N, C-alpha and C. Protein backbone atom coordinates (compact mmCIF):
# COMPACT_ATOMS: atom_id res chain seq x y z
N MET A 1 -8.06 114.88 77.60
CA MET A 1 -7.68 115.81 78.53
C MET A 1 -8.81 116.12 79.58
N THR A 2 -8.30 116.30 80.83
CA THR A 2 -9.56 116.24 81.85
C THR A 2 -9.79 117.84 82.11
N ASP A 3 -10.97 118.18 82.70
CA ASP A 3 -11.26 119.22 83.19
C ASP A 3 -10.78 119.51 84.31
N GLY A 4 -10.17 118.34 85.25
CA GLY A 4 -9.90 118.72 86.75
C GLY A 4 -8.75 119.34 86.78
N LEU A 5 -8.55 119.56 88.14
CA LEU A 5 -7.53 120.23 89.04
C LEU A 5 -6.15 119.71 88.85
N VAL A 6 -4.92 120.31 88.11
CA VAL A 6 -3.90 119.61 88.73
C VAL A 6 -3.27 120.01 89.94
N LEU A 7 -2.85 118.95 90.54
CA LEU A 7 -2.52 119.11 92.28
C LEU A 7 -1.18 118.64 92.16
N VAL A 8 -0.18 119.57 92.65
CA VAL A 8 1.12 119.36 92.77
C VAL A 8 1.89 119.43 94.18
N LEU A 9 2.22 118.64 94.74
CA LEU A 9 2.80 118.73 96.17
C LEU A 9 4.32 118.67 96.31
N SER A 10 4.77 119.79 96.65
CA SER A 10 5.99 120.07 97.09
C SER A 10 6.60 118.95 97.81
N GLU A 11 7.86 119.10 97.65
CA GLU A 11 8.91 117.97 98.38
C GLU A 11 8.71 118.01 100.04
N SER A 12 8.63 119.35 100.43
CA SER A 12 8.26 119.57 102.03
C SER A 12 7.10 119.32 102.39
N SER A 13 5.84 119.62 101.41
CA SER A 13 4.60 119.25 101.93
C SER A 13 4.24 117.70 102.00
N LEU A 14 4.90 117.10 100.98
CA LEU A 14 4.81 115.74 100.75
C LEU A 14 5.34 114.99 102.06
N LYS A 15 6.45 115.58 102.47
CA LYS A 15 7.26 115.04 103.85
C LYS A 15 6.39 115.40 105.00
N LYS A 16 5.92 116.45 104.89
CA LYS A 16 4.97 116.82 106.13
C LYS A 16 3.76 115.83 106.15
N LEU A 17 2.98 115.64 105.06
CA LEU A 17 1.83 114.92 104.80
C LEU A 17 2.16 113.58 105.45
N THR A 18 3.37 112.80 105.05
CA THR A 18 3.62 111.44 105.36
C THR A 18 4.01 111.57 106.92
N GLY A 19 4.15 112.40 107.16
CA GLY A 19 4.80 112.62 109.06
C GLY A 19 3.38 112.62 109.46
N LEU A 20 2.22 112.59 109.06
CA LEU A 20 0.83 112.97 109.87
C LEU A 20 0.47 111.64 110.41
N GLU A 21 -0.39 111.57 111.73
CA GLU A 21 -0.90 110.47 111.84
C GLU A 21 -1.87 110.03 110.79
N PRO A 22 -2.04 108.71 110.57
CA PRO A 22 -2.69 107.95 109.50
C PRO A 22 -4.24 108.56 109.38
N VAL A 23 -4.93 109.01 110.25
CA VAL A 23 -6.31 109.32 110.05
C VAL A 23 -6.11 110.74 109.49
N ASN A 24 -5.27 111.58 109.86
CA ASN A 24 -5.22 112.85 109.21
C ASN A 24 -4.48 112.97 107.80
N ARG A 25 -3.85 112.03 107.92
CA ARG A 25 -2.93 111.82 106.34
C ARG A 25 -4.09 111.49 105.58
N THR A 26 -4.87 110.48 105.76
CA THR A 26 -5.86 109.87 104.82
C THR A 26 -6.96 111.07 104.63
N ARG A 27 -7.52 111.93 105.65
CA ARG A 27 -8.35 112.74 105.75
C ARG A 27 -8.01 113.86 104.68
N ILE A 28 -6.85 114.42 104.78
CA ILE A 28 -6.14 115.41 103.89
C ILE A 28 -5.93 114.98 102.36
N ALA A 29 -5.53 113.67 102.12
CA ALA A 29 -5.30 113.07 100.87
C ALA A 29 -6.52 112.75 100.06
N LYS A 30 -7.69 112.48 100.90
CA LYS A 30 -8.77 112.36 100.21
C LYS A 30 -9.53 113.51 99.95
N LYS A 31 -9.62 114.73 100.84
CA LYS A 31 -10.04 115.62 100.47
C LYS A 31 -9.27 116.64 99.08
N LEU A 32 -8.08 116.38 99.31
CA LEU A 32 -7.31 116.66 98.05
C LEU A 32 -7.47 116.22 96.92
N LYS A 33 -8.02 114.62 96.87
CA LYS A 33 -8.29 114.46 95.55
C LYS A 33 -9.77 114.48 95.40
N GLU A 34 -10.44 114.78 96.51
CA GLU A 34 -11.89 115.42 95.77
C GLU A 34 -11.64 116.66 95.26
N TYR A 35 -11.04 117.76 95.45
CA TYR A 35 -10.61 119.16 94.86
C TYR A 35 -10.16 118.94 93.66
N GLN A 36 -9.49 117.76 93.14
CA GLN A 36 -8.65 117.46 91.88
C GLN A 36 -9.75 117.09 91.08
N ASP A 37 -10.57 116.14 91.61
CA ASP A 37 -11.68 115.56 90.42
C ASP A 37 -12.91 116.75 90.35
N LYS A 38 -12.92 117.37 91.50
CA LYS A 38 -14.24 118.50 91.54
C LYS A 38 -13.73 120.02 91.61
N PRO A 39 -13.21 120.63 90.75
CA PRO A 39 -12.43 121.85 90.96
C PRO A 39 -13.49 123.06 91.55
N LEU A 40 -14.66 122.85 91.48
CA LEU A 40 -15.86 123.96 91.91
C LEU A 40 -15.93 123.98 93.36
N LEU A 41 -15.57 122.86 93.92
CA LEU A 41 -15.69 122.62 95.43
C LEU A 41 -14.39 123.26 95.98
N LEU A 42 -13.18 123.42 95.40
CA LEU A 42 -12.00 124.00 95.55
C LEU A 42 -12.36 125.66 95.81
N GLU A 43 -13.01 126.05 94.81
CA GLU A 43 -13.36 127.48 94.61
C GLU A 43 -14.32 128.06 95.99
N ALA A 44 -15.07 127.18 96.34
CA ALA A 44 -15.75 127.39 97.49
C ALA A 44 -15.18 127.41 98.97
N ASP A 45 -14.13 126.66 98.87
CA ASP A 45 -13.51 126.26 100.35
C ASP A 45 -12.27 126.84 100.65
N ILE A 46 -11.57 127.54 99.65
CA ILE A 46 -10.29 128.31 99.58
C ILE A 46 -10.29 129.63 99.93
N LYS A 47 -9.53 130.16 100.57
CA LYS A 47 -9.58 131.77 101.20
C LYS A 47 -7.97 132.24 100.68
N ARG A 48 -7.79 133.51 100.45
CA ARG A 48 -6.70 133.93 100.17
C ARG A 48 -5.98 134.50 101.27
N LEU A 49 -4.78 134.10 101.53
CA LEU A 49 -4.08 134.56 102.99
C LEU A 49 -3.57 136.27 102.57
N SER A 50 -3.84 136.65 103.68
CA SER A 50 -3.55 138.26 103.39
C SER A 50 -2.24 138.46 103.71
N GLY A 51 -1.58 139.52 103.12
CA GLY A 51 -0.31 139.96 103.23
C GLY A 51 0.69 139.00 102.17
N THR A 52 -0.12 138.25 101.26
CA THR A 52 0.68 137.63 100.26
C THR A 52 0.57 138.35 99.11
N ARG A 53 1.82 138.45 98.24
CA ARG A 53 1.87 139.07 96.60
C ARG A 53 2.26 137.91 95.85
N ASP A 54 3.33 137.87 95.95
CA ASP A 54 4.22 137.12 94.87
C ASP A 54 4.95 135.96 95.20
N PRO A 55 4.45 135.08 95.07
CA PRO A 55 2.93 134.54 94.94
C PRO A 55 2.03 134.61 95.92
N VAL A 56 0.78 134.78 95.12
CA VAL A 56 -0.16 134.78 95.92
C VAL A 56 -0.72 133.56 96.70
N LEU A 57 -0.74 133.51 98.10
CA LEU A 57 -1.05 132.15 98.69
C LEU A 57 -2.34 132.08 99.19
N TYR A 58 -3.03 130.75 98.97
CA TYR A 58 -4.27 130.63 99.59
C TYR A 58 -4.12 129.33 100.63
N ARG A 59 -5.03 129.05 101.57
CA ARG A 59 -5.31 128.04 102.27
C ARG A 59 -6.56 127.40 102.32
N ILE A 60 -6.52 125.94 102.33
CA ILE A 60 -7.71 125.36 102.35
C ILE A 60 -7.78 124.59 104.04
N ARG A 61 -8.97 124.61 104.51
CA ARG A 61 -9.25 124.12 105.78
C ARG A 61 -9.64 122.52 105.48
N ILE A 62 -8.75 121.67 106.15
CA ILE A 62 -8.97 120.63 106.31
C ILE A 62 -9.22 119.79 107.61
N GLY A 63 -10.21 119.84 108.47
CA GLY A 63 -10.10 119.39 109.89
C GLY A 63 -9.22 120.49 110.86
N ASP A 64 -8.45 119.85 111.30
CA ASP A 64 -7.49 120.99 112.09
C ASP A 64 -6.14 121.20 111.30
N TYR A 65 -6.25 121.18 110.02
CA TYR A 65 -5.00 121.29 109.44
C TYR A 65 -5.39 122.21 108.16
N ARG A 66 -4.21 122.98 107.77
CA ARG A 66 -4.52 123.98 106.91
C ARG A 66 -3.45 123.62 105.92
N VAL A 67 -3.90 123.62 104.51
CA VAL A 67 -3.05 123.30 103.51
C VAL A 67 -2.92 124.66 102.63
N ILE A 68 -1.58 125.10 102.58
CA ILE A 68 -1.12 126.31 101.92
C ILE A 68 -0.57 126.08 100.65
N GLY A 69 -1.04 126.98 99.82
CA GLY A 69 -0.60 126.77 98.32
C GLY A 69 -0.79 127.91 97.14
N SER A 70 -0.24 127.77 96.08
CA SER A 70 -0.62 128.86 95.06
C SER A 70 -1.33 128.08 93.96
N VAL A 71 -2.04 129.07 93.28
CA VAL A 71 -3.26 128.64 92.33
C VAL A 71 -2.64 129.52 91.11
N GLN A 72 -2.43 128.72 89.91
CA GLN A 72 -2.23 129.17 88.41
C GLN A 72 -2.90 128.24 87.58
N ALA A 73 -4.12 129.13 86.80
CA ALA A 73 -4.93 128.24 85.85
C ALA A 73 -5.43 127.48 86.46
N ARG A 74 -5.39 125.98 86.01
CA ARG A 74 -5.79 124.98 86.63
C ARG A 74 -4.83 124.20 87.20
N ARG A 75 -3.92 124.52 87.94
CA ARG A 75 -2.73 124.18 88.88
C ARG A 75 -2.99 124.57 90.28
N PHE A 76 -2.85 123.79 91.28
CA PHE A 76 -2.46 123.99 92.79
C PHE A 76 -1.57 123.52 93.10
N GLU A 77 -0.34 124.06 93.62
CA GLU A 77 0.74 123.77 94.31
C GLU A 77 0.73 123.94 95.58
N VAL A 78 0.67 122.80 96.50
CA VAL A 78 0.73 122.73 97.59
C VAL A 78 2.16 122.94 98.44
N LEU A 79 2.02 124.12 98.94
CA LEU A 79 3.41 124.46 99.66
C LEU A 79 3.84 124.14 100.97
N ASP A 80 2.81 123.94 101.67
CA ASP A 80 3.10 123.46 103.15
C ASP A 80 1.73 123.20 103.67
N ILE A 81 1.83 122.19 104.80
CA ILE A 81 0.86 121.66 105.43
C ILE A 81 1.00 121.73 107.13
N ARG A 82 0.35 122.74 107.73
CA ARG A 82 0.33 122.76 108.97
C ARG A 82 -0.94 122.77 109.87
N HIS A 83 -0.94 122.17 111.15
CA HIS A 83 -1.79 122.37 112.21
C HIS A 83 -2.18 123.81 112.31
N ARG A 84 -3.38 124.01 112.47
CA ARG A 84 -4.02 125.19 112.60
C ARG A 84 -3.23 126.00 113.84
N SER A 85 -2.97 125.36 115.09
CA SER A 85 -2.28 125.99 116.01
C SER A 85 -1.09 126.67 115.77
N SER A 86 -0.53 126.53 114.70
CA SER A 86 0.93 126.99 114.10
C SER A 86 0.85 127.93 113.13
N LEU A 87 -0.22 128.51 112.97
CA LEU A 87 -0.33 129.76 112.09
C LEU A 87 -0.72 130.65 112.52
């Protein structure tokens, strides 16, 4: 068993990720993989979104994009990927 983080992408977030330009898609995928392998990095980079309760949502900043998701135990579920201008 691994001590890493379980990363789950929703169907809609996967669709958004595949629709991005290759350079942005690669950057986001690489960073998410890095968080999966080293969850302590995620703890430093994650911010709670105000006004969210059930579930509590968090955002990760990756370049000009924001990855929105929820955390439960050792699992981060990616719910949305947005450009910073659309937040």
